[in-house]
Amino acid sequence: MTESKRCARMSRAERESLKAVLKRRYVAGESIRQLSVATGRSYGFVHRLLVEAGALLRLRGGNQRPARAAD
């Protein structure tokens, strides 16, 4: 039985490289969920790597209020 990519172990170098890529993409505006789907990794794994990379995580739910019109 072979491991799927989702469960495959990563080397330290691969993990560090993925951390940098995920942080760059997250800071550019992609969500953790989008990164999870794009990489085939779980939400929790992506979240953990972003925390390890020192990314400043955004609040949940995005912008809930519509922009106010200028007076």
Protein backbone atom coordinates (compact mmCIF):
# COMPACT_ATOMS: atom_id res chain seq x y z
CA MET A 1 0.00 0.00 0.00
CA THR A 2 1.47 3.37 -1.00
CA GLU A 3 1.09 6.64 0.83
CA SER A 4 -0.88 9.38 -0.86
CA LYS A 5 0.68 12.82 -1.26
CA ARG A 6 -1.57 14.11 1.50
CA CYS A 7 0.03 11.78 4.05
CA ALA A 8 3.53 11.63 2.62
CA ARG A 9 6.38 12.54 4.93
CA MET A 10 8.44 15.58 4.02
CA SER A 11 12.15 16.12 4.48
CA ARG A 12 13.22 19.08 6.58
CA ALA A 13 14.34 20.95 3.45
CA GLU A 14 10.99 20.33 1.72
CA ARG A 15 9.12 21.50 4.84
CA GLU A 16 11.18 24.72 5.07
CA SER A 17 10.66 25.40 1.38
CA LEU A 18 6.91 24.83 1.65
CA LYS A 19 6.75 27.11 4.72
CA ALA A 20 8.29 29.96 2.76
CA VAL A 21 5.98 29.47 -0.22
CA LEU A 22 2.86 29.23 1.96
CA LYS A 23 3.80 32.33 3.93
CA ARG A 24 4.42 34.34 0.75
CA ARG A 25 1.09 33.26 -0.77
CA TYR A 26 -0.82 33.84 2.50
CA VAL A 27 0.61 37.33 2.91
CA ALA A 28 -0.36 38.02 -0.72
CA GLY A 29 -3.99 37.30 0.19
CA GLU A 30 -4.75 33.60 -0.25
CA SER A 31 -6.71 31.94 2.54
CA ILE A 32 -5.54 28.95 4.55
CA ARG A 33 -8.35 26.94 2.98
CA GLN A 34 -7.20 27.88 -0.55
CA LEU A 35 -3.62 26.96 0.30
CA SER A 36 -4.79 23.67 1.75
CA VAL A 37 -6.64 22.73 -1.43
CA ALA A 38 -3.76 23.89 -3.66
CA THR A 39 -1.15 21.85 -1.78
CA GLY A 40 -3.28 18.79 -1.02
CA ARG A 41 -2.50 19.18 2.69
CA SER A 42 -4.91 19.54 5.57
CA TYR A 43 -6.08 22.90 6.89
CA GLY A 44 -4.37 22.14 10.21
CA PHE A 45 -1.06 21.30 8.56
CA VAL A 46 -1.06 24.53 6.53
CA HIS A 47 -2.07 26.55 9.62
CA ARG A 48 0.75 24.96 11.64
CA LEU A 49 3.35 25.74 8.95
CA LEU A 50 2.18 29.36 8.74
CA VAL A 51 2.51 29.72 12.51
CA GLU A 52 5.98 28.13 12.40
CA ALA A 53 6.92 30.52 9.57
CA GLY A 54 5.92 33.51 11.71
CA ALA A 55 3.05 34.64 9.49
CA LEU A 56 0.68 37.14 11.09
CA LEU A 57 -2.63 35.30 10.78
CA ARG A 58 -5.72 37.24 9.77
CA LEU A 59 -8.93 37.12 11.75
CA ARG A 60 -11.49 34.51 10.73
CA GLY A 61 -14.28 35.29 8.30
CA GLY A 62 -12.78 38.10 6.28
CA ASN A 63 -14.45 41.46 5.89
CA GLN A 64 -18.01 41.10 7.19
CA ARG A 65 -19.10 44.72 6.85
CA PRO A 66 -19.67 46.51 3.56
CA ALA A 67 -17.44 49.51 2.92
CA ARG A 68 -18.98 52.77 4.11
CA ALA A 69 -19.70 55.38 1.50
CA ALA A 70 -17.72 58.62 1.80
CA ASP A 71 -19.81 61.56 3.00
